[in-house]
Amino acid sequence: MHKVYENFDLSRVGRMQSLLESNGIATFVKNLYSSGALGEIPFVEICPQLYVLQAGDVERALELLQVDLPKANRASDWVCPECGIDIEGQFENCWKCGMHRDEE
């Protein structure tokens, strides 16, 4: 088994597991039911972890996960030219008037 992903959000780990399994990659999730032990053992020891069962599938699994992982926010904050509202960089549309960032 080879660990390819871990996240404290179990639903996120489940989503990644579904992605890999739908592409024919056999997986296993470790620490699936360990949240009940929180407080008894260190929290980093109970983080849900996604493993690929076959060594030959690791490279393909990592490629699939990279496509689905959220991209880092590289965009800077901007001001809507239509209504003058400050908008955080990760948003492409103004929350007030709906103007798209590229429509400047």
PDB file of N, CA and C in Angstrom:
ATOM      1  N   MET A   1       0.847  -1.183   0.000  1.00  0.00           N
ATOM      2  CA  MET A   1       0.000   0.000   0.000  1.00  0.00           C
ATOM      3  C   MET A   1       0.887   1.239   0.000  1.00  0.00           C
ATOM      4  N   HIS A   2       0.410   2.268  -0.716  1.00  0.00           N
ATOM      5  CA  HIS A   2       1.160   3.507  -0.839  1.00  0.00           C
ATOM      6  C   HIS A   2       0.226   4.677  -0.572  1.00  0.00           C
ATOM      7  N   LYS A   3       0.563   5.504   0.428  1.00  0.00           N
ATOM      8  CA  LYS A   3      -0.278   6.647   0.766  1.00  0.00           C
ATOM      9  C   LYS A   3      -0.157   7.704  -0.319  1.00  0.00           C
ATOM     10  N   VAL A   4      -1.309   8.178  -0.816  1.00  0.00           N
ATOM     11  CA  VAL A   4      -1.307   9.185  -1.871  1.00  0.00           C
ATOM     12  C   VAL A   4      -2.022  10.467  -1.456  1.00  0.00           C
ATOM     13  N   TYR A   5      -2.778  10.422  -0.344  1.00  0.00           N
ATOM     14  CA  TYR A   5      -3.547  11.608   0.046  1.00  0.00           C
ATOM     15  C   TYR A   5      -3.978  11.480   1.494  1.00  0.00           C
ATOM     16  N   GLU A   6      -4.029  12.607   2.202  1.00  0.00           N
ATOM     17  CA  GLU A   6      -4.611  12.649   3.538  1.00  0.00           C
ATOM     18  C   GLU A   6      -5.220  14.017   3.770  1.00  0.00           C
ATOM     19  N   ASN A   7      -6.281  14.028   4.553  1.00  0.00           N
ATOM     20  CA  ASN A   7      -6.982  15.272   4.843  1.00  0.00           C
ATOM     21  C   ASN A   7      -7.853  15.026   6.069  1.00  0.00           C
ATOM     22  N   PHE A   8      -7.962  16.017   6.942  1.00  0.00           N
ATOM     23  CA  PHE A   8      -8.807  15.858   8.126  1.00  0.00           C
ATOM     24  C   PHE A   8     -10.294  15.841   7.770  1.00  0.00           C
ATOM     25  N   ASP A   9     -10.634  16.287   6.568  1.00  0.00           N
ATOM     26  CA  ASP A   9     -12.018  16.269   6.104  1.00  0.00           C
ATOM     27  C   ASP A   9     -12.295  14.912   5.451  1.00  0.00           C
ATOM     28  N   LEU A  10     -13.009  14.050   6.172  1.00  0.00           N
ATOM     29  CA  LEU A  10     -13.274  12.701   5.684  1.00  0.00           C
ATOM     30  C   LEU A  10     -14.042  12.705   4.366  1.00  0.00           C
ATOM     31  N   SER A  11     -14.931  13.674   4.182  1.00  0.00           N
ATOM     32  CA  SER A  11     -15.681  13.727   2.926  1.00  0.00           C
ATOM     33  C   SER A  11     -14.760  14.020   1.741  1.00  0.00           C
ATOM     34  N   ARG A  12     -13.734  14.808   1.967  1.00  0.00           N
ATOM     35  CA  ARG A  12     -12.762  15.106   0.906  1.00  0.00           C
ATOM     36  C   ARG A  12     -11.967  13.847   0.543  1.00  0.00           C
ATOM     37  N   VAL A  13     -11.572  13.100   1.574  1.00  0.00           N
ATOM     38  CA  VAL A  13     -10.855  11.846   1.331  1.00  0.00           C
ATOM     39  C   VAL A  13     -11.753  10.879   0.562  1.00  0.00           C
ATOM     40  N   GLY A  14     -13.026  10.822   0.943  1.00  0.00           N
ATOM     41  CA  GLY A  14     -13.980   9.964   0.241  1.00  0.00           C
ATOM     42  C   GLY A  14     -14.155  10.364  -1.205  1.00  0.00           C
ATOM     43  N   ARG A  15     -14.151  11.668  -1.450  1.00  0.00           N
ATOM     44  CA  ARG A  15     -14.274  12.149  -2.841  1.00  0.00           C
ATOM     45  C   ARG A  15     -13.070  11.721  -3.666  1.00  0.00           C
ATOM     46  N   MET A  16     -11.893  11.833  -3.083  1.00  0.00           N
ATOM     47  CA  MET A  16     -10.680  11.427  -3.790  1.00  0.00           C
ATOM     48  C   MET A  16     -10.658   9.914  -4.002  1.00  0.00           C
ATOM     49  N   GLN A  17     -11.147   9.159  -3.021  1.00  0.00           N
ATOM     50  CA  GLN A  17     -11.228   7.715  -3.169  1.00  0.00           C
ATOM     51  C   GLN A  17     -12.165   7.355  -4.321  1.00  0.00           C
ATOM     52  N   SER A  18     -13.304   8.016  -4.405  1.00  0.00           N
ATOM     53  CA  SER A  18     -14.243   7.763  -5.499  1.00  0.00           C
ATOM     54  C   SER A  18     -13.628   8.088  -6.852  1.00  0.00           C
ATOM     55  N   LEU A  19     -12.875   9.176  -6.908  1.00  0.00           N
ATOM     56  CA  LEU A  19     -12.206   9.557  -8.152  1.00  0.00           C
ATOM     57  C   LEU A  19     -11.261   8.454  -8.614  1.00  0.00           C
ATOM     58  N   LEU A  20     -10.453   7.949  -7.695  1.00  0.00           N
ATOM     59  CA  LEU A  20      -9.494   6.917  -8.067  1.00  0.00           C
ATOM     60  C   LEU A  20     -10.189   5.606  -8.420  1.00  0.00           C
ATOM     61  N   GLU A  21     -11.168   5.218  -7.610  1.00  0.00           N
ATOM     62  CA  GLU A  21     -11.863   3.947  -7.866  1.00  0.00           C
ATOM     63  C   GLU A  21     -12.622   3.991  -9.191  1.00  0.00           C
ATOM     64  N   SER A  22     -13.177   5.142  -9.547  1.00  0.00           N
ATOM     65  CA  SER A  22     -13.895   5.246 -10.822  1.00  0.00           C
ATOM     66  C   SER A  22     -12.953   5.169 -12.011  1.00  0.00           C
ATOM     67  N   ASN A  23     -11.665   5.342 -11.753  1.00  0.00           N
ATOM     68  CA  ASN A  23     -10.653   5.205 -12.801  1.00  0.00           C
ATOM     69  C   ASN A  23      -9.915   3.872 -12.707  1.00  0.00           C
ATOM     70  N   GLY A  24     -10.513   2.918 -11.985  1.00  0.00           N
ATOM     71  CA  GLY A  24      -9.962   1.576 -11.935  1.00  0.00           C
ATOM     72  C   GLY A  24      -8.796   1.372 -10.993  1.00  0.00           C
ATOM     73  N   ILE A  25      -8.604   2.273 -10.040  1.00  0.00           N
ATOM     74  CA  ILE A  25      -7.493   2.156  -9.092  1.00  0.00           C
ATOM     75  C   ILE A  25      -8.038   1.690  -7.745  1.00  0.00           C
ATOM     76  N   ALA A  26      -7.570   0.535  -7.291  1.00  0.00           N
ATOM     77  CA  ALA A  26      -8.020  -0.018  -6.010  1.00  0.00           C
ATOM     78  C   ALA A  26      -7.418   0.795  -4.859  1.00  0.00           C
ATOM     79  N   THR A  27      -8.252   1.144  -3.871  1.00  0.00           N
ATOM     80  CA  THR A  27      -7.812   1.997  -2.771  1.00  0.00           C
ATOM     81  C   THR A  27      -8.222   1.432  -1.421  1.00  0.00           C
ATOM     82  N   PHE A  28      -7.675   2.042  -0.375  1.00  0.00           N
ATOM     83  CA  PHE A  28      -8.017   1.720   1.003  1.00  0.00           C
ATOM     84  C   PHE A  28      -7.908   3.012   1.803  1.00  0.00           C
ATOM     85  N   VAL A  29      -8.877   3.268   2.685  1.00  0.00           N
ATOM     86  CA  VAL A  29      -8.818   4.445   3.547  1.00  0.00           C
ATOM     87  C   VAL A  29      -8.485   3.993   4.960  1.00  0.00           C
ATOM     88  N   LYS A  30      -7.387   4.498   5.480  1.00  0.00           N
ATOM     89  CA  LYS A  30      -6.959   4.214   6.840  1.00  0.00           C
ATOM     90  C   LYS A  30      -7.510   5.298   7.759  1.00  0.00           C
ATOM     91  N   ASN A  31      -7.826   4.944   8.979  1.00  0.00           N
ATOM     92  CA  ASN A  31      -8.350   5.862   9.998  1.00  0.00           C
ATOM     93  C   ASN A  31      -9.756   6.346   9.661  1.00  0.00           C
ATOM     94  N   LEU A  32     -10.508   5.521   8.989  1.00  0.00           N
ATOM     95  CA  LEU A  32     -11.862   5.876   8.589  1.00  0.00           C
ATOM     96  C   LEU A  32     -12.770   6.122   9.785  1.00  0.00           C
ATOM     97  N   TYR A  33     -12.650   5.310  10.822  1.00  0.00           N
ATOM     98  CA  TYR A  33     -13.536   5.422  11.985  1.00  0.00           C
ATOM     99  C   TYR A  33     -12.793   5.804  13.258  1.00  0.00           C
ATOM    100  N   SER A  34     -11.670   6.458  13.137  1.00  0.00           N
ATOM    101  CA  SER A  34     -10.852   6.744  14.311  1.00  0.00           C
ATOM    102  C   SER A  34     -11.173   8.066  14.992  1.00  0.00           C
ATOM    103  N   SER A  35     -12.119   8.826  14.475  1.00  0.00           N
ATOM    104  CA  SER A  35     -12.418  10.125  15.085  1.00  0.00           C
ATOM    105  C   SER A  35     -12.912   9.982  16.524  1.00  0.00           C
ATOM    106  N   GLY A  36     -13.454   8.830  16.872  1.00  0.00           N
ATOM    107  CA  GLY A  36     -13.897   8.604  18.242  1.00  0.00           C
ATOM    108  C   GLY A  36     -12.752   8.563  19.237  1.00  0.00           C
ATOM    109  N   ALA A  37     -11.554   8.352  18.754  1.00  0.00           N
ATOM    110  CA  ALA A  37     -10.385   8.299  19.629  1.00  0.00           C
ATOM    111  C   ALA A  37      -9.757   9.672  19.835  1.00  0.00           C
ATOM    112  N   LEU A  38     -10.335  10.699  19.245  1.00  0.00           N
ATOM    113  CA  LEU A  38      -9.792  12.052  19.381  1.00  0.00           C
ATOM    114  C   LEU A  38      -9.754  12.432  20.855  1.00  0.00           C
ATOM    115  N   GLY A  39      -8.623  12.874  21.302  1.00  0.00           N
ATOM    116  CA  GLY A  39      -8.418  13.193  22.697  1.00  0.00           C
ATOM    117  C   GLY A  39      -7.652  12.103  23.417  1.00  0.00           C
ATOM    118  N   GLU A  40      -7.826  10.878  22.974  1.00  0.00           N
ATOM    119  CA  GLU A  40      -7.106   9.740  23.551  1.00  0.00           C
ATOM    120  C   GLU A  40      -5.718   9.622  22.921  1.00  0.00           C
ATOM    121  N   ILE A  41      -5.651   9.889  21.621  1.00  0.00           N
ATOM    122  CA  ILE A  41      -4.380   9.835  20.905  1.00  0.00           C
ATOM    123  C   ILE A  41      -4.223  11.147  20.134  1.00  0.00           C
ATOM    124  N   PRO A  42      -2.997  11.501  19.742  1.00  0.00           N
ATOM    125  CA  PRO A  42      -2.785  12.764  19.026  1.00  0.00           C
ATOM    126  C   PRO A  42      -3.621  12.844  17.747  1.00  0.00           C
ATOM    127  N   PHE A  43      -4.177  14.022  17.483  1.00  0.00           N
ATOM    128  CA  PHE A  43      -5.066  14.193  16.327  1.00  0.00           C
ATOM    129  C   PHE A  43      -4.389  13.884  15.003  1.00  0.00           C
ATOM    130  N   VAL A  44      -3.078  14.088  14.913  1.00  0.00           N
ATOM    131  CA  VAL A  44      -2.388  13.791  13.655  1.00  0.00           C
ATOM    132  C   VAL A  44      -2.327  12.295  13.381  1.00  0.00           C
ATOM    133  N   GLU A  45      -2.553  11.482  14.391  1.00  0.00           N
ATOM    134  CA  GLU A  45      -2.533  10.035  14.222  1.00  0.00           C
ATOM    135  C   GLU A  45      -3.851   9.483  13.704  1.00  0.00           C
ATOM    136  N   ILE A  46      -4.912  10.308  13.718  1.00  0.00           N
ATOM    137  CA  ILE A  46      -6.217   9.816  13.280  1.00  0.00           C
ATOM    138  C   ILE A  46      -6.693  10.469  11.981  1.00  0.00           C
ATOM    139  N   CYS A  47      -5.808  11.186  11.335  1.00  0.00           N
ATOM    140  CA  CYS A  47      -6.150  11.831  10.070  1.00  0.00           C
ATOM    141  C   CYS A  47      -6.471  10.764   9.019  1.00  0.00           C
ATOM    142  N   PRO A  48      -7.636  10.848   8.362  1.00  0.00           N
ATOM    143  CA  PRO A  48      -7.957   9.879   7.306  1.00  0.00           C
ATOM    144  C   PRO A  48      -6.914   9.925   6.182  1.00  0.00           C
ATOM    145  N   GLN A  49      -6.449   8.756   5.784  1.00  0.00           N
ATOM    146  CA  GLN A  49      -5.400   8.636   4.778  1.00  0.00           C
ATOM    147  C   GLN A  49      -5.870   7.706   3.667  1.00  0.00           C
ATOM    148  N   LEU A  50      -5.612   8.112   2.438  1.00  0.00           N
ATOM    149  CA  LEU A  50      -5.993   7.334   1.259  1.00  0.00           C
ATOM    150  C   LEU A  50      -4.763   6.618   0.705  1.00  0.00           C
ATOM    151  N   TYR A  51      -4.889   5.316   0.560  1.00  0.00           N
ATOM    152  CA  TYR A  51      -3.807   4.484   0.050  1.00  0.00           C
ATOM    153  C   TYR A  51      -4.215   3.837  -1.261  1.00  0.00           C
ATOM    154  N   VAL A  52      -3.232   3.660  -2.139  1.00  0.00           N
ATOM    155  CA  VAL A  52      -3.400   2.896  -3.376  1.00  0.00           C
ATOM    156  C   VAL A  52      -2.811   1.515  -3.106  1.00  0.00           C
ATOM    157  N   LEU A  53      -3.535   0.475  -3.488  1.00  0.00           N
ATOM    158  CA  LEU A  53      -3.108  -0.890  -3.162  1.00  0.00           C
ATOM    159  C   LEU A  53      -1.984  -1.413  -4.039  1.00  0.00           C
ATOM    160  N   GLN A  54      -1.942  -1.016  -5.304  1.00  0.00           N
ATOM    161  CA  GLN A  54      -0.929  -1.518  -6.234  1.00  0.00           C
ATOM    162  C   GLN A  54       0.119  -0.444  -6.518  1.00  0.00           C
ATOM    163  N   ALA A  55       1.382  -0.817  -6.394  1.00  0.00           N
ATOM    164  CA  ALA A  55       2.474   0.128  -6.632  1.00  0.00           C
ATOM    165  C   ALA A  55       2.424   0.703  -8.040  1.00  0.00           C
ATOM    166  N   GLY A  56       1.995  -0.074  -9.005  1.00  0.00           N
ATOM    167  CA  GLY A  56       1.926   0.389 -10.384  1.00  0.00           C
ATOM    168  C   GLY A  56       0.873   1.451 -10.629  1.00  0.00           C
ATOM    169  N   ASP A  57      -0.053   1.634  -9.692  1.00  0.00           N
ATOM    170  CA  ASP A  57      -1.113   2.634  -9.838  1.00  0.00           C
ATOM    171  C   ASP A  57      -0.792   3.971  -9.183  1.00  0.00           C
ATOM    172  N   VAL A  58       0.318   4.041  -8.457  1.00  0.00           N
ATOM    173  CA  VAL A  58       0.622   5.247  -7.677  1.00  0.00           C
ATOM    174  C   VAL A  58       0.782   6.470  -8.564  1.00  0.00           C
ATOM    175  N   GLU A  59       1.558   6.362  -9.618  1.00  0.00           N
ATOM    176  CA  GLU A  59       1.812   7.513 -10.487  1.00  0.00           C
ATOM    177  C   GLU A  59       0.517   8.042 -11.108  1.00  0.00           C
ATOM    178  N   ARG A  60      -0.303   7.155 -11.620  1.00  0.00           N
ATOM    179  CA  ARG A  60      -1.588   7.544 -12.219  1.00  0.00           C
ATOM    180  C   ARG A  60      -2.508   8.166 -11.165  1.00  0.00           C
ATOM    181  N   ALA A  61      -2.515   7.607  -9.958  1.00  0.00           N
ATOM    182  CA  ALA A  61      -3.344   8.142  -8.868  1.00  0.00           C
ATOM    183  C   ALA A  61      -2.928   9.567  -8.523  1.00  0.00           C
ATOM    184  N   LEU A  62      -1.639   9.804  -8.427  1.00  0.00           N
ATOM    185  CA  LEU A  62      -1.157  11.150  -8.107  1.00  0.00           C
ATOM    186  C   LEU A  62      -1.517  12.147  -9.212  1.00  0.00           C
ATOM    187  N   GLU A  63      -1.468  11.705 -10.464  1.00  0.00           N
ATOM    188  CA  GLU A  63      -1.868  12.572 -11.576  1.00  0.00           C
ATOM    189  C   GLU A  63      -3.345  12.940 -11.463  1.00  0.00           C
ATOM    190  N   LEU A  64      -4.182  11.956 -11.194  1.00  0.00           N
ATOM    191  CA  LEU A  64      -5.623  12.202 -11.067  1.00  0.00           C
ATOM    192  C   LEU A  64      -5.922  13.129  -9.898  1.00  0.00           C
ATOM    193  N   LEU A  65      -5.236  12.932  -8.787  1.00  0.00           N
ATOM    194  CA  LEU A  65      -5.464  13.770  -7.613  1.00  0.00           C
ATOM    195  C   LEU A  65      -5.029  15.211  -7.869  1.00  0.00           C
ATOM    196  N   GLN A  66      -3.932  15.406  -8.592  1.00  0.00           N
ATOM    197  CA  GLN A  66      -3.460  16.762  -8.883  1.00  0.00           C
ATOM    198  C   GLN A  66      -4.462  17.530  -9.733  1.00  0.00           C
ATOM    199  N   VAL A  67      -5.134  16.850 -10.633  1.00  0.00           N
ATOM    200  CA  VAL A  67      -6.135  17.501 -11.472  1.00  0.00           C
ATOM    201  C   VAL A  67      -7.322  17.949 -10.634  1.00  0.00           C
ATOM    202  N   ASP A  68      -7.683  17.161  -9.615  1.00  0.00           N
ATOM    203  CA  ASP A  68      -8.883  17.443  -8.830  1.00  0.00           C
ATOM    204  C   ASP A  68      -8.632  18.322  -7.612  1.00  0.00           C
ATOM    205  N   LEU A  69      -7.396  18.446  -7.168  1.00  0.00           N
ATOM    206  CA  LEU A  69      -7.120  19.267  -5.986  1.00  0.00           C
ATOM    207  C   LEU A  69      -7.342  20.735  -6.297  1.00  0.00           C
ATOM    208  N   PRO A  70      -7.812  21.508  -5.296  1.00  0.00           N
ATOM    209  CA  PRO A  70      -8.023  22.938  -5.536  1.00  0.00           C
ATOM    210  C   PRO A  70      -6.716  23.628  -5.909  1.00  0.00           C
ATOM    211  N   LYS A  71      -6.796  24.517  -6.844  1.00  0.00           N
ATOM    212  CA  LYS A  71      -5.620  25.270  -7.266  1.00  0.00           C
ATOM    213  C   LYS A  71      -5.353  26.402  -6.276  1.00  0.00           C
ATOM    214  N   ALA A  72      -4.087  26.715  -6.107  1.00  0.00           N
ATOM    215  CA  ALA A  72      -3.730  27.828  -5.228  1.00  0.00           C
ATOM    216  C   ALA A  72      -4.262  29.124  -5.822  1.00  0.00           C
ATOM    217  N   ASN A  73      -4.691  29.991  -4.955  1.00  0.00           N
ATOM    218  CA  ASN A  73      -5.236  31.271  -5.409  1.00  0.00           C
ATOM    219  C   ASN A  73      -4.076  32.196  -5.764  1.00  0.00           C
ATOM    220  N   ARG A  74      -3.839  32.367  -7.056  1.00  0.00           N
ATOM    221  CA  ARG A  74      -2.752  33.235  -7.507  1.00  0.00           C
ATOM    222  C   ARG A  74      -3.265  34.601  -7.939  1.00  0.00           C
ATOM    223  N   ALA A  75      -4.564  34.731  -8.063  1.00  0.00           N
ATOM    224  CA  ALA A  75      -5.141  35.989  -8.523  1.00  0.00           C
ATOM    225  C   ALA A  75      -5.138  37.007  -7.395  1.00  0.00           C
ATOM    226  N   SER A  76      -4.909  38.236  -7.764  1.00  0.00           N
ATOM    227  CA  SER A  76      -4.922  39.303  -6.764  1.00  0.00           C
ATOM    228  C   SER A  76      -6.344  39.847  -6.608  1.00  0.00           C
ATOM    229  N   ASP A  77      -6.558  40.512  -5.491  1.00  0.00           N
ATOM    230  CA  ASP A  77      -7.849  41.146  -5.266  1.00  0.00           C
ATOM    231  C   ASP A  77      -8.079  42.197  -6.354  1.00  0.00           C
ATOM    232  N   TRP A  78      -9.350  42.502  -6.621  1.00  0.00           N
ATOM    233  CA  TRP A  78      -9.664  43.454  -7.669  1.00  0.00           C
ATOM    234  C   TRP A  78     -10.860  44.290  -7.276  1.00  0.00           C
ATOM    235  N   VAL A  79     -11.040  45.382  -7.976  1.00  0.00           N
ATOM    236  CA  VAL A  79     -12.162  46.287  -7.750  1.00  0.00           C
ATOM    237  C   VAL A  79     -13.066  46.208  -8.977  1.00  0.00           C
ATOM    238  N   CYS A  80     -14.338  45.989  -8.739  1.00  0.00           N
ATOM    239  CA  CYS A  80     -15.290  45.914  -9.839  1.00  0.00           C
ATOM    240  C   CYS A  80     -15.389  47.288 -10.510  1.00  0.00           C
ATOM    241  N   PRO A  81     -15.131  47.355 -11.819  1.00  0.00           N
ATOM    242  CA  PRO A  81     -15.193  48.641 -12.514  1.00  0.00           C
ATOM    243  C   PRO A  81     -16.623  49.158 -12.661  1.00  0.00           C
ATOM    244  N   GLU A  82     -17.603  48.288 -12.515  1.00  0.00           N
ATOM    245  CA  GLU A  82     -19.001  48.679 -12.670  1.00  0.00           C
ATOM    246  C   GLU A  82     -19.547  49.358 -11.414  1.00  0.00           C
ATOM    247  N   CYS A  83     -19.301  48.727 -10.238  1.00  0.00           N
ATOM    248  CA  CYS A  83     -19.909  49.265  -9.013  1.00  0.00           C
ATOM    249  C   CYS A  83     -18.893  49.666  -7.947  1.00  0.00           C
ATOM    250  N   GLY A  84     -17.587  49.416  -8.172  1.00  0.00           N
ATOM    251  CA  GLY A  84     -16.556  49.878  -7.252  1.00  0.00           C
ATOM    252  C   GLY A  84     -16.363  49.038  -6.001  1.00  0.00           C
ATOM    253  N   ILE A  85     -16.945  47.871  -5.948  1.00  0.00           N
ATOM    254  CA  ILE A  85     -16.828  47.002  -4.780  1.00  0.00           C
ATOM    255  C   ILE A  85     -15.504  46.249  -4.826  1.00  0.00           C
ATOM    256  N   ASP A  86     -14.836  46.124  -3.661  1.00  0.00           N
ATOM    257  CA  ASP A  86     -13.620  45.326  -3.555  1.00  0.00           C
ATOM    258  C   ASP A  86     -13.990  43.845  -3.585  1.00  0.00           C
ATOM    259  N   ILE A  87     -13.302  43.063  -4.435  1.00  0.00           N
ATOM    260  CA  ILE A  87     -13.572  41.644  -4.602  1.00  0.00           C
ATOM    261  C   ILE A  87     -12.293  40.858  -4.326  1.00  0.00           C
ATOM    262  N   GLU A  88     -12.410  39.760  -3.569  1.00  0.00           N
ATOM    263  CA  GLU A  88     -11.250  38.910  -3.310  1.00  0.00           C
ATOM    264  C   GLU A  88     -10.816  38.215  -4.597  1.00  0.00           C
ATOM    265  N   GLY A  89      -9.525  37.933  -4.707  1.00  0.00           N
ATOM    266  CA  GLY A  89      -8.934  37.400  -5.927  1.00  0.00           C
ATOM    267  C   GLY A  89      -9.489  36.087  -6.425  1.00  0.00           C
ATOM    268  N   GLN A  90      -9.985  35.228  -5.526  1.00  0.00           N
ATOM    269  CA  GLN A  90     -10.465  33.923  -5.981  1.00  0.00           C
ATOM    270  C   GLN A  90     -11.797  34.007  -6.714  1.00  0.00           C
ATOM    271  N   PHE A  91     -12.464  35.165  -6.647  1.00  0.00           N
ATOM    272  CA  PHE A  91     -13.755  35.309  -7.303  1.00  0.00           C
ATOM    273  C   PHE A  91     -13.603  35.935  -8.680  1.00  0.00           C
ATOM    274  N   GLU A  92     -14.320  35.380  -9.646  1.00  0.00           N
ATOM    275  CA  GLU A  92     -14.270  35.867 -11.015  1.00  0.00           C
ATOM    276  C   GLU A  92     -15.404  36.841 -11.314  1.00  0.00           C
ATOM    277  N   ASN A  93     -16.448  36.832 -10.485  1.00  0.00           N
ATOM    278  CA  ASN A  93     -17.602  37.714 -10.696  1.00  0.00           C
ATOM    279  C   ASN A  93     -17.829  38.588  -9.471  1.00  0.00           C
ATOM    280  N   CYS A  94     -18.314  39.777  -9.712  1.00  0.00           N
ATOM    281  CA  CYS A  94     -18.670  40.688  -8.628  1.00  0.00           C
ATOM    282  C   CYS A  94     -19.900  40.138  -7.908  1.00  0.00           C
ATOM    283  N   TRP A  95     -19.846  40.133  -6.591  1.00  0.00           N
ATOM    284  CA  TRP A  95     -20.969  39.602  -5.825  1.00  0.00           C
ATOM    285  C   TRP A  95     -22.157  40.560  -5.817  1.00  0.00           C
ATOM    286  N   LYS A  96     -21.929  41.828  -6.143  1.00  0.00           N
ATOM    287  CA  LYS A  96     -23.018  42.807  -6.104  1.00  0.00           C
ATOM    288  C   LYS A  96     -23.740  42.939  -7.446  1.00  0.00           C
ATOM    289  N   CYS A  97     -22.965  43.129  -8.520  1.00  0.00           N
ATOM    290  CA  CYS A  97     -23.610  43.377  -9.822  1.00  0.00           C
ATOM    291  C   CYS A  97     -23.450  42.209 -10.800  1.00  0.00           C
ATOM    292  N   GLY A  98     -22.575  41.247 -10.474  1.00  0.00           N
ATOM    293  CA  GLY A  98     -22.410  40.078 -11.328  1.00  0.00           C
ATOM    294  C   GLY A  98     -21.431  40.262 -12.473  1.00  0.00           C
ATOM    295  N   MET A  99     -20.803  41.414 -12.582  1.00  0.00           N
ATOM    296  CA  MET A  99     -19.859  41.644 -13.675  1.00  0.00           C
ATOM    297  C   MET A  99     -18.678  40.682 -13.577  1.00  0.00           C
ATOM    298  N   HIS A 100     -18.319  40.099 -14.713  1.00  0.00           N
ATOM    299  CA  HIS A 100     -17.198  39.173 -14.772  1.00  0.00           C
ATOM    300  C   HIS A 100     -15.896  39.947 -14.757  1.00  0.00           C
ATOM    301  N   ARG A 101     -14.899  39.399 -14.117  1.00  0.00           N
ATOM    302  CA  ARG A 101     -13.592  40.042 -13.979  1.00  0.00           C
ATOM    303  C   ARG A 101     -12.991  40.425 -15.330  1.00  0.00           C
ATOM    304  N   ASP A 102     -13.160  39.598 -16.349  1.00  0.00           N
ATOM    305  CA  ASP A 102     -12.572  39.856 -17.664  1.00  0.00           C
ATOM    306  C   ASP A 102     -13.320  40.919 -18.456  1.00  0.00           C
ATOM    307  N   GLU A 103     -14.454  41.386 -17.954  1.00  0.00           N
ATOM    308  CA  GLU A 103     -15.239  42.365 -18.685  1.00  0.00           C
ATOM    309  C   GLU A 103     -14.801  43.791 -18.430  1.00  0.00           C
ATOM    310  N   GLU A 104     -13.621  43.960 -17.834  1.00  0.00           N
ATOM    311  CA  GLU A 104     -13.154  45.306 -17.475  1.00  0.00           C
ATOM    312  C   GLU A 104     -13.011  46.178 -18.666  1.00  0.00           C
TER     313      GLU A 104
END
